[in-house]
């Protein structure tokens, strides 16, 4: 079963966070929607043999599923104009309709808190593993990017996920969790 989640839009530190939250006791999968439907994540976690979490830029389109899942969650927010400026710098398509992360229940933080105020995030997600300030300081000096060729390996998975989003273009009727 997944124990923890970082949820955010692209260019919000999720790749870096997946690295940071992967330790000798844990593994944090980055953007597992590329390869597995979200309903398969708990089974995938059971096969890994470590404590498993995810750091994902797409799962925010399924707030009902997220809110029903018992994993501890941190939702990182970055202004869409900053996200799009960062996407342009790497020649990627901009987001015209941002997901409303406010619907997701969990600890909501500014994306910069991953770097500038990390201990409360760590303690929320991994409460029984001591925060390592020295490791965080070292990782903070690194620019960590996903492989640019990453994409859906399974076109049927892509079609299924897109049809789910299209079926609920308003992402459901939820009260803001913030």
N, C-alpha and C. Protein backbone atom coordinates (compact mmCIF):
# COMPACT_ATOMS: atom_id res chain seq x y z
N UNK A 1 0.85 -1.18 0.00
CA UNK A 1 0.00 0.00 0.00
C UNK A 1 0.90 1.24 0.00
N UNK A 2 0.52 2.22 -0.79
CA UNK A 2 1.24 3.50 -0.78
C UNK A 2 1.10 4.14 0.59
N UNK A 3 2.21 4.69 1.09
CA UNK A 3 2.19 5.33 2.41
C UNK A 3 2.16 6.85 2.32
N UNK A 4 2.74 7.41 1.26
CA UNK A 4 2.83 8.87 1.19
C UNK A 4 2.78 9.33 -0.26
N UNK A 5 2.35 10.59 -0.44
CA UNK A 5 2.23 11.17 -1.78
C UNK A 5 2.62 12.64 -1.77
N UNK A 6 3.34 13.04 -2.82
CA UNK A 6 3.56 14.45 -3.14
C UNK A 6 2.76 14.67 -4.43
N UNK A 7 1.90 15.67 -4.43
CA UNK A 7 1.03 15.93 -5.57
C UNK A 7 1.25 17.38 -6.00
N UNK A 8 1.49 17.58 -7.27
CA UNK A 8 1.68 18.93 -7.78
C UNK A 8 1.62 18.95 -9.29
N UNK A 9 1.70 20.13 -9.83
CA UNK A 9 1.74 20.28 -11.28
C UNK A 9 3.19 20.15 -11.74
N UNK A 10 3.42 19.98 -13.05
CA UNK A 10 4.79 19.90 -13.54
C UNK A 10 5.59 21.15 -13.13
N UNK A 11 6.88 20.99 -13.05
CA UNK A 11 7.82 22.08 -12.75
C UNK A 11 7.59 22.65 -11.34
N UNK A 12 7.14 21.77 -10.43
CA UNK A 12 6.88 22.18 -9.05
C UNK A 12 7.74 21.42 -8.05
N UNK A 13 8.82 20.84 -8.51
CA UNK A 13 9.74 20.15 -7.62
C UNK A 13 9.42 18.69 -7.37
N UNK A 14 8.52 18.10 -8.14
CA UNK A 14 8.12 16.72 -7.87
C UNK A 14 9.22 15.71 -8.19
N UNK A 15 10.00 15.95 -9.24
CA UNK A 15 11.10 15.03 -9.55
C UNK A 15 12.15 15.09 -8.44
N UNK A 16 12.48 16.31 -8.03
CA UNK A 16 13.44 16.49 -6.95
C UNK A 16 12.93 15.82 -5.67
N UNK A 17 11.63 16.00 -5.37
CA UNK A 17 11.04 15.43 -4.17
C UNK A 17 11.09 13.90 -4.19
N UNK A 18 10.88 13.29 -5.36
CA UNK A 18 10.96 11.83 -5.46
C UNK A 18 12.35 11.35 -5.09
N UNK A 19 13.36 12.08 -5.51
CA UNK A 19 14.73 11.73 -5.15
C UNK A 19 14.95 11.92 -3.65
N UNK A 20 14.54 13.04 -3.12
CA UNK A 20 14.70 13.37 -1.71
C UNK A 20 14.02 12.33 -0.81
N UNK A 21 12.83 11.88 -1.19
CA UNK A 21 12.06 10.95 -0.36
C UNK A 21 12.42 9.48 -0.59
N UNK A 22 13.38 9.21 -1.46
CA UNK A 22 13.89 7.86 -1.64
C UNK A 22 15.11 7.69 -0.75
N UNK A 23 15.02 6.74 0.16
CA UNK A 23 16.09 6.50 1.13
C UNK A 23 16.38 5.00 1.18
N UNK A 24 17.18 4.59 2.16
CA UNK A 24 17.44 3.16 2.32
C UNK A 24 16.18 2.41 2.77
N UNK A 25 15.20 3.12 3.32
CA UNK A 25 13.97 2.49 3.82
C UNK A 25 12.76 2.75 2.93
N UNK A 26 12.85 3.73 2.05
CA UNK A 26 11.70 4.14 1.25
C UNK A 26 12.06 4.24 -0.22
N UNK A 27 11.05 4.18 -1.04
CA UNK A 27 11.21 4.52 -2.45
C UNK A 27 10.03 5.40 -2.82
N UNK A 28 10.32 6.47 -3.55
CA UNK A 28 9.28 7.38 -4.00
C UNK A 28 9.28 7.37 -5.53
N UNK A 29 8.23 6.85 -6.09
CA UNK A 29 8.10 6.73 -7.55
C UNK A 29 7.68 8.07 -8.14
N UNK A 30 8.36 8.48 -9.19
CA UNK A 30 8.00 9.74 -9.84
C UNK A 30 7.09 9.49 -11.04
N UNK A 31 5.98 10.19 -11.08
CA UNK A 31 5.00 10.12 -12.17
C UNK A 31 4.67 8.69 -12.61
N UNK A 32 4.20 7.86 -11.67
CA UNK A 32 3.88 6.48 -12.05
C UNK A 32 2.69 6.35 -12.99
N UNK A 33 1.97 7.46 -13.25
CA UNK A 33 0.87 7.39 -14.23
C UNK A 33 1.38 7.11 -15.64
N UNK A 34 2.66 7.35 -15.89
CA UNK A 34 3.22 7.05 -17.21
C UNK A 34 3.15 5.56 -17.52
N UNK A 35 3.16 4.74 -16.47
CA UNK A 35 3.26 3.29 -16.69
C UNK A 35 2.15 2.47 -16.05
N UNK A 36 1.45 3.03 -15.04
CA UNK A 36 0.45 2.25 -14.32
C UNK A 36 -0.77 3.11 -13.99
N UNK A 37 -1.94 2.51 -14.14
CA UNK A 37 -3.17 3.19 -13.73
C UNK A 37 -3.11 3.37 -12.22
N UNK A 38 -3.64 4.49 -11.74
CA UNK A 38 -3.56 4.79 -10.31
C UNK A 38 -4.21 3.72 -9.43
N UNK A 39 -5.18 2.99 -9.96
CA UNK A 39 -5.81 1.92 -9.17
C UNK A 39 -4.88 0.73 -8.99
N UNK A 40 -3.76 0.70 -9.71
CA UNK A 40 -2.78 -0.38 -9.58
C UNK A 40 -1.63 -0.03 -8.63
N UNK A 41 -1.56 1.21 -8.18
CA UNK A 41 -0.40 1.66 -7.41
C UNK A 41 -0.20 0.91 -6.11
N UNK A 42 -1.27 0.62 -5.39
CA UNK A 42 -1.11 -0.09 -4.12
C UNK A 42 -0.53 -1.49 -4.35
N UNK A 43 -0.99 -2.18 -5.39
CA UNK A 43 -0.44 -3.51 -5.70
C UNK A 43 1.02 -3.41 -6.11
N UNK A 44 1.35 -2.39 -6.86
CA UNK A 44 2.74 -2.16 -7.26
C UNK A 44 3.60 -1.94 -6.02
N UNK A 45 3.10 -1.16 -5.08
CA UNK A 45 3.84 -0.89 -3.84
C UNK A 45 4.09 -2.18 -3.07
N UNK A 46 3.11 -3.08 -3.05
CA UNK A 46 3.26 -4.33 -2.31
C UNK A 46 4.37 -5.20 -2.89
N UNK A 47 4.68 -5.05 -4.17
CA UNK A 47 5.71 -5.85 -4.83
C UNK A 47 7.12 -5.31 -4.64
N UNK A 48 7.26 -4.06 -4.24
CA UNK A 48 8.58 -3.41 -4.19
C UNK A 48 9.39 -3.85 -2.98
N UNK A 49 8.75 -4.07 -1.86
CA UNK A 49 9.48 -4.55 -0.70
C UNK A 49 10.06 -3.46 0.19
N UNK A 50 9.76 -2.22 -0.10
CA UNK A 50 10.13 -1.09 0.75
C UNK A 50 8.87 -0.30 1.01
N UNK A 51 8.98 0.68 1.86
CA UNK A 51 7.88 1.62 2.05
C UNK A 51 7.81 2.49 0.80
N UNK A 52 6.64 2.61 0.21
CA UNK A 52 6.51 3.24 -1.10
C UNK A 52 5.62 4.47 -1.05
N UNK A 53 6.06 5.49 -1.77
CA UNK A 53 5.27 6.68 -1.99
C UNK A 53 5.36 7.08 -3.45
N UNK A 54 4.63 8.12 -3.79
CA UNK A 54 4.67 8.64 -5.16
C UNK A 54 4.84 10.15 -5.12
N UNK A 55 5.40 10.67 -6.16
CA UNK A 55 5.47 12.11 -6.40
C UNK A 55 4.97 12.29 -7.82
N UNK A 56 3.78 12.87 -7.98
CA UNK A 56 3.11 12.79 -9.27
C UNK A 56 2.53 14.13 -9.72
N UNK A 57 2.69 14.40 -11.01
CA UNK A 57 2.17 15.64 -11.60
C UNK A 57 0.84 15.46 -12.32
N UNK A 58 0.31 14.25 -12.36
CA UNK A 58 -0.94 14.03 -13.07
C UNK A 58 -2.10 13.58 -12.20
N UNK A 59 -1.81 13.03 -11.03
CA UNK A 59 -2.85 12.41 -10.21
C UNK A 59 -3.86 13.43 -9.68
N UNK A 60 -3.53 14.70 -9.70
CA UNK A 60 -4.45 15.72 -9.22
C UNK A 60 -5.75 15.78 -10.00
N UNK A 61 -5.82 15.15 -11.16
CA UNK A 61 -7.06 15.11 -11.92
C UNK A 61 -8.09 14.14 -11.33
N UNK A 62 -7.69 13.37 -10.31
CA UNK A 62 -8.57 12.40 -9.67
C UNK A 62 -8.67 12.69 -8.16
N UNK A 63 -9.23 13.85 -7.79
CA UNK A 63 -9.26 14.22 -6.37
C UNK A 63 -10.11 13.27 -5.52
N UNK A 64 -11.18 12.71 -6.08
CA UNK A 64 -12.00 11.78 -5.28
C UNK A 64 -11.15 10.57 -4.87
N UNK A 65 -10.42 10.00 -5.82
CA UNK A 65 -9.58 8.84 -5.51
C UNK A 65 -8.52 9.23 -4.47
N UNK A 66 -7.89 10.38 -4.67
CA UNK A 66 -6.88 10.83 -3.71
C UNK A 66 -7.47 11.01 -2.31
N UNK A 67 -8.62 11.65 -2.23
CA UNK A 67 -9.21 11.91 -0.92
C UNK A 67 -9.66 10.64 -0.22
N UNK A 68 -9.95 9.60 -0.97
CA UNK A 68 -10.34 8.31 -0.38
C UNK A 68 -9.13 7.47 0.02
N UNK A 69 -7.96 7.77 -0.56
CA UNK A 69 -6.77 6.97 -0.28
C UNK A 69 -6.17 7.38 1.07
N UNK A 70 -5.77 6.39 1.89
CA UNK A 70 -5.28 6.71 3.24
C UNK A 70 -3.84 7.24 3.32
N UNK A 71 -3.12 7.28 2.22
CA UNK A 71 -1.72 7.75 2.28
C UNK A 71 -1.65 9.19 2.79
N UNK A 72 -0.56 9.50 3.49
CA UNK A 72 -0.31 10.89 3.89
C UNK A 72 0.02 11.68 2.63
N UNK A 73 -0.50 12.90 2.55
CA UNK A 73 -0.35 13.68 1.31
C UNK A 73 0.18 15.07 1.58
N UNK A 74 1.05 15.52 0.68
CA UNK A 74 1.48 16.91 0.62
C UNK A 74 1.17 17.38 -0.79
N UNK A 75 0.47 18.50 -0.87
CA UNK A 75 0.12 19.08 -2.16
C UNK A 75 0.94 20.35 -2.33
N UNK A 76 1.78 20.36 -3.39
CA UNK A 76 2.65 21.51 -3.62
C UNK A 76 2.01 22.42 -4.66
N UNK A 77 2.03 23.70 -4.36
CA UNK A 77 1.43 24.71 -5.24
C UNK A 77 2.51 25.62 -5.80
N UNK A 78 2.41 25.86 -7.10
CA UNK A 78 3.26 26.83 -7.78
C UNK A 78 2.37 27.61 -8.74
N UNK A 79 2.53 28.92 -8.80
CA UNK A 79 1.69 29.70 -9.73
C UNK A 79 1.83 29.20 -11.18
N UNK A 80 0.69 29.13 -11.86
CA UNK A 80 0.67 28.61 -13.24
C UNK A 80 1.56 29.43 -14.16
N UNK A 81 1.64 30.75 -13.97
CA UNK A 81 2.51 31.54 -14.84
C UNK A 81 3.97 31.15 -14.67
N UNK A 82 4.39 30.80 -13.45
CA UNK A 82 5.76 30.32 -13.22
C UNK A 82 5.97 28.95 -13.84
N UNK A 83 4.95 28.08 -13.72
CA UNK A 83 5.03 26.76 -14.33
C UNK A 83 5.21 26.89 -15.83
N UNK A 84 4.39 27.72 -16.46
CA UNK A 84 4.47 27.88 -17.91
C UNK A 84 5.78 28.52 -18.36
N UNK A 85 6.30 29.47 -17.59
CA UNK A 85 7.59 30.06 -17.92
C UNK A 85 8.68 28.98 -17.87
N UNK A 86 8.63 28.12 -16.87
CA UNK A 86 9.60 27.04 -16.76
C UNK A 86 9.43 26.02 -17.89
N UNK A 87 8.19 25.72 -18.25
CA UNK A 87 7.94 24.79 -19.36
C UNK A 87 8.47 25.37 -20.68
N UNK A 88 8.27 26.66 -20.90
CA UNK A 88 8.77 27.29 -22.13
C UNK A 88 10.29 27.18 -22.24
N UNK A 89 10.97 27.32 -21.09
CA UNK A 89 12.44 27.26 -21.10
C UNK A 89 12.96 25.90 -21.56
N UNK A 90 12.16 24.86 -21.39
CA UNK A 90 12.59 23.53 -21.83
C UNK A 90 11.79 23.06 -23.05
N UNK A 91 11.17 24.02 -23.73
CA UNK A 91 10.42 23.75 -24.97
C UNK A 91 9.31 22.72 -24.79
N UNK A 92 8.58 22.84 -23.69
CA UNK A 92 7.45 21.96 -23.44
C UNK A 92 6.15 22.75 -23.54
N UNK A 93 5.07 22.02 -23.80
CA UNK A 93 3.75 22.64 -23.94
C UNK A 93 3.28 23.23 -22.61
N UNK A 94 2.70 24.41 -22.67
CA UNK A 94 2.20 25.08 -21.47
C UNK A 94 0.84 24.53 -21.05
N UNK A 95 0.50 24.75 -19.80
CA UNK A 95 -0.77 24.31 -19.24
C UNK A 95 -1.79 25.42 -19.41
N UNK A 96 -2.89 25.13 -20.09
CA UNK A 96 -3.93 26.14 -20.24
C UNK A 96 -5.02 25.98 -19.18
N UNK A 97 -5.19 24.78 -18.66
CA UNK A 97 -6.19 24.54 -17.63
C UNK A 97 -5.53 23.83 -16.45
N UNK A 98 -5.11 24.58 -15.46
CA UNK A 98 -4.46 23.92 -14.33
C UNK A 98 -5.46 23.11 -13.52
N UNK A 99 -4.98 22.01 -12.93
CA UNK A 99 -5.84 21.25 -12.06
C UNK A 99 -6.05 22.04 -10.77
N UNK A 100 -7.21 21.88 -10.17
CA UNK A 100 -7.49 22.58 -8.92
C UNK A 100 -7.03 21.70 -7.76
N UNK A 101 -5.81 21.93 -7.34
CA UNK A 101 -5.23 21.13 -6.27
C UNK A 101 -5.90 21.40 -4.93
N UNK A 102 -6.65 22.50 -4.83
CA UNK A 102 -7.34 22.84 -3.60
C UNK A 102 -8.40 21.83 -3.19
N UNK A 103 -8.86 20.99 -4.12
CA UNK A 103 -9.85 19.97 -3.80
C UNK A 103 -9.25 18.80 -3.02
N UNK A 104 -7.95 18.68 -3.03
CA UNK A 104 -7.30 17.51 -2.44
C UNK A 104 -7.04 17.74 -0.96
N UNK A 105 -7.42 16.75 -0.16
CA UNK A 105 -7.20 16.83 1.29
C UNK A 105 -5.76 16.42 1.60
N UNK A 106 -5.10 17.20 2.41
CA UNK A 106 -3.73 16.92 2.80
C UNK A 106 -3.06 18.20 3.24
N UNK A 107 -1.77 18.18 3.41
CA UNK A 107 -1.01 19.36 3.79
C UNK A 107 -0.66 20.14 2.53
N UNK A 108 -1.13 21.36 2.42
CA UNK A 108 -0.88 22.22 1.27
C UNK A 108 0.31 23.13 1.57
N UNK A 109 1.28 23.14 0.63
CA UNK A 109 2.48 23.95 0.83
C UNK A 109 2.85 24.65 -0.48
N UNK A 110 3.61 25.71 -0.36
CA UNK A 110 4.21 26.36 -1.52
C UNK A 110 5.37 25.46 -1.99
N UNK A 111 5.56 25.36 -3.28
CA UNK A 111 6.58 24.47 -3.81
C UNK A 111 7.97 24.80 -3.30
N UNK A 112 8.22 26.06 -3.00
CA UNK A 112 9.54 26.47 -2.49
C UNK A 112 9.81 25.88 -1.10
N UNK A 113 8.74 25.49 -0.38
CA UNK A 113 8.93 24.88 0.94
C UNK A 113 9.70 23.57 0.86
N UNK A 114 9.65 22.90 -0.29
CA UNK A 114 10.46 21.69 -0.46
C UNK A 114 11.93 21.99 -0.21
N UNK A 115 12.35 23.20 -0.54
CA UNK A 115 13.75 23.58 -0.45
C UNK A 115 14.04 24.45 0.78
N UNK A 116 13.10 25.32 1.13
CA UNK A 116 13.35 26.32 2.18
C UNK A 116 12.77 25.98 3.54
N UNK A 117 11.78 25.11 3.61
CA UNK A 117 11.17 24.72 4.88
C UNK A 117 10.76 23.24 4.80
N UNK A 118 11.74 22.36 4.59
CA UNK A 118 11.43 20.97 4.27
C UNK A 118 11.04 20.08 5.46
N UNK A 119 11.51 20.42 6.64
CA UNK A 119 11.31 19.50 7.76
C UNK A 119 9.84 19.21 8.07
N UNK A 120 8.94 20.21 8.06
CA UNK A 120 7.52 19.88 8.29
C UNK A 120 6.94 18.95 7.23
N UNK A 121 7.39 19.08 5.99
CA UNK A 121 6.93 18.20 4.91
C UNK A 121 7.41 16.78 5.18
N UNK A 122 8.71 16.66 5.46
CA UNK A 122 9.30 15.35 5.75
C UNK A 122 8.58 14.69 6.92
N UNK A 123 8.41 15.43 8.00
CA UNK A 123 7.79 14.87 9.20
C UNK A 123 6.34 14.47 8.98
N UNK A 124 5.66 15.15 8.08
CA UNK A 124 4.28 14.77 7.75
C UNK A 124 4.27 13.47 6.94
N UNK A 125 5.15 13.35 5.98
CA UNK A 125 5.15 12.18 5.10
C UNK A 125 5.84 10.97 5.70
N UNK A 126 6.92 11.19 6.43
CA UNK A 126 7.72 10.09 6.98
C UNK A 126 7.96 10.34 8.48
N UNK A 127 6.89 10.32 9.28
CA UNK A 127 7.01 10.75 10.67
C UNK A 127 7.95 9.92 11.54
N UNK A 128 8.21 8.68 11.17
CA UNK A 128 9.07 7.83 11.99
C UNK A 128 10.51 7.73 11.48
N UNK A 129 10.83 8.48 10.43
CA UNK A 129 12.20 8.52 9.91
C UNK A 129 12.76 9.90 10.19
N UNK A 130 13.86 9.99 10.92
CA UNK A 130 14.41 11.32 11.24
C UNK A 130 14.79 12.11 9.99
N UNK A 131 14.47 13.39 10.02
CA UNK A 131 14.85 14.30 8.94
C UNK A 131 16.38 14.46 8.94
N UNK A 132 16.98 14.35 7.78
CA UNK A 132 18.43 14.46 7.65
C UNK A 132 18.76 15.81 6.99
N UNK A 133 19.07 16.79 7.82
CA UNK A 133 19.36 18.15 7.34
C UNK A 133 20.55 18.16 6.39
N UNK A 134 21.59 17.38 6.69
CA UNK A 134 22.79 17.36 5.85
C UNK A 134 22.47 16.81 4.46
N UNK A 135 21.72 15.73 4.40
CA UNK A 135 21.34 15.15 3.10
C UNK A 135 20.49 16.14 2.31
N UNK A 136 19.53 16.78 2.99
CA UNK A 136 18.70 17.76 2.30
C UNK A 136 19.55 18.89 1.75
N UNK A 137 20.50 19.37 2.52
CA UNK A 137 21.37 20.45 2.07
C UNK A 137 22.16 20.05 0.83
N UNK A 138 22.66 18.83 0.81
CA UNK A 138 23.39 18.33 -0.36
C UNK A 138 22.48 18.22 -1.58
N UNK A 139 21.30 17.64 -1.39
CA UNK A 139 20.36 17.49 -2.51
C UNK A 139 19.87 18.83 -3.03
N UNK A 140 19.75 19.79 -2.14
CA UNK A 140 19.29 21.12 -2.54
C UNK A 140 20.21 21.77 -3.56
N UNK A 141 21.44 21.35 -3.60
CA UNK A 141 22.40 21.90 -4.54
C UNK A 141 22.29 21.27 -5.93
N UNK A 142 21.41 20.29 -6.06
CA UNK A 142 21.29 19.55 -7.32
C UNK A 142 20.05 19.94 -8.10
N UNK A 143 20.22 20.02 -9.40
CA UNK A 143 19.09 20.19 -10.31
C UNK A 143 18.73 18.80 -10.80
N UNK A 144 17.54 18.36 -10.49
CA UNK A 144 17.12 17.00 -10.84
C UNK A 144 15.94 17.11 -11.79
N UNK A 145 16.10 16.53 -12.97
CA UNK A 145 15.09 16.62 -14.03
C UNK A 145 14.69 15.23 -14.48
N UNK A 146 13.44 15.05 -14.90
CA UNK A 146 13.06 13.76 -15.48
C UNK A 146 13.69 13.60 -16.86
N UNK A 147 13.80 12.38 -17.30
CA UNK A 147 14.29 12.11 -18.65
C UNK A 147 13.28 12.70 -19.62
N UNK A 148 13.75 13.48 -20.58
CA UNK A 148 12.83 14.21 -21.46
C UNK A 148 12.02 13.30 -22.37
N UNK A 149 12.48 12.07 -22.60
CA UNK A 149 11.74 11.19 -23.50
C UNK A 149 10.65 10.39 -22.80
N UNK A 150 10.46 10.62 -21.50
CA UNK A 150 9.43 9.89 -20.77
C UNK A 150 8.07 10.21 -21.37
N UNK A 151 7.27 9.19 -21.49
CA UNK A 151 5.91 9.35 -22.00
C UNK A 151 5.14 8.07 -21.76
N UNK A 152 3.88 8.07 -22.15
CA UNK A 152 3.08 6.88 -21.95
C UNK A 152 3.61 5.75 -22.80
N UNK A 153 3.96 4.65 -22.14
CA UNK A 153 4.44 3.47 -22.84
C UNK A 153 3.27 2.64 -23.36
N UNK A 154 2.11 2.83 -22.75
CA UNK A 154 0.94 2.03 -23.07
C UNK A 154 -0.16 2.97 -23.57
N UNK A 155 -0.41 2.98 -24.85
CA UNK A 155 -1.39 3.89 -25.43
C UNK A 155 -2.79 3.62 -24.88
N UNK A 156 -3.10 2.36 -24.54
CA UNK A 156 -4.41 2.05 -23.98
C UNK A 156 -4.58 2.69 -22.60
N UNK A 157 -3.51 2.71 -21.81
CA UNK A 157 -3.55 3.38 -20.51
C UNK A 157 -3.80 4.87 -20.70
N UNK A 158 -3.09 5.48 -21.65
CA UNK A 158 -3.28 6.90 -21.94
C UNK A 158 -4.74 7.18 -22.32
N UNK A 159 -5.29 6.39 -23.21
CA UNK A 159 -6.68 6.58 -23.64
C UNK A 159 -7.65 6.43 -22.48
N UNK A 160 -7.41 5.45 -21.62
CA UNK A 160 -8.29 5.24 -20.46
C UNK A 160 -8.24 6.44 -19.53
N UNK A 161 -7.04 6.93 -19.22
CA UNK A 161 -6.91 8.08 -18.33
C UNK A 161 -7.56 9.32 -18.93
N UNK A 162 -7.36 9.56 -20.22
CA UNK A 162 -7.95 10.73 -20.87
C UNK A 162 -9.48 10.63 -20.90
N UNK A 163 -10.01 9.44 -21.10
CA UNK A 163 -11.47 9.29 -21.11
C UNK A 163 -12.03 9.53 -19.71
N UNK A 164 -11.30 9.15 -18.67
CA UNK A 164 -11.75 9.43 -17.30
C UNK A 164 -11.78 10.93 -17.04
N UNK A 165 -10.76 11.64 -17.51
CA UNK A 165 -10.73 13.09 -17.33
C UNK A 165 -11.86 13.74 -18.13
N UNK A 166 -12.05 13.30 -19.37
CA UNK A 166 -13.11 13.86 -20.22
C UNK A 166 -14.50 13.60 -19.63
N UNK A 167 -14.67 12.46 -18.95
CA UNK A 167 -15.96 12.12 -18.37
C UNK A 167 -16.30 13.04 -17.19
N UNK A 168 -15.30 13.63 -16.58
CA UNK A 168 -15.50 14.52 -15.43
C UNK A 168 -14.67 15.78 -15.62
N UNK A 169 -15.01 16.61 -16.61
CA UNK A 169 -14.19 17.78 -16.90
C UNK A 169 -14.09 18.77 -15.75
N UNK A 170 -15.05 18.75 -14.85
CA UNK A 170 -14.96 19.65 -13.69
C UNK A 170 -14.25 18.97 -12.53
N UNK A 171 -13.77 17.75 -12.73
CA UNK A 171 -13.06 16.97 -11.73
C UNK A 171 -13.97 16.64 -10.53
N UNK A 172 -15.25 16.59 -10.79
CA UNK A 172 -16.19 16.26 -9.73
C UNK A 172 -16.60 17.48 -8.93
N UNK A 173 -17.61 17.31 -8.12
CA UNK A 173 -18.08 18.40 -7.27
C UNK A 173 -17.54 18.14 -5.87
N UNK A 174 -16.57 18.91 -5.49
CA UNK A 174 -15.95 18.77 -4.18
C UNK A 174 -15.85 20.14 -3.53
N UNK A 175 -15.87 20.15 -2.23
CA UNK A 175 -15.57 21.39 -1.54
C UNK A 175 -14.06 21.53 -1.47
N UNK A 176 -13.58 22.71 -1.53
CA UNK A 176 -12.14 22.94 -1.43
C UNK A 176 -11.65 22.40 -0.10
N UNK A 177 -10.53 21.67 -0.15
CA UNK A 177 -9.96 21.08 1.05
C UNK A 177 -9.03 22.04 1.78
N UNK A 178 -8.77 23.21 1.20
CA UNK A 178 -7.82 24.11 1.83
C UNK A 178 -8.39 24.86 3.00
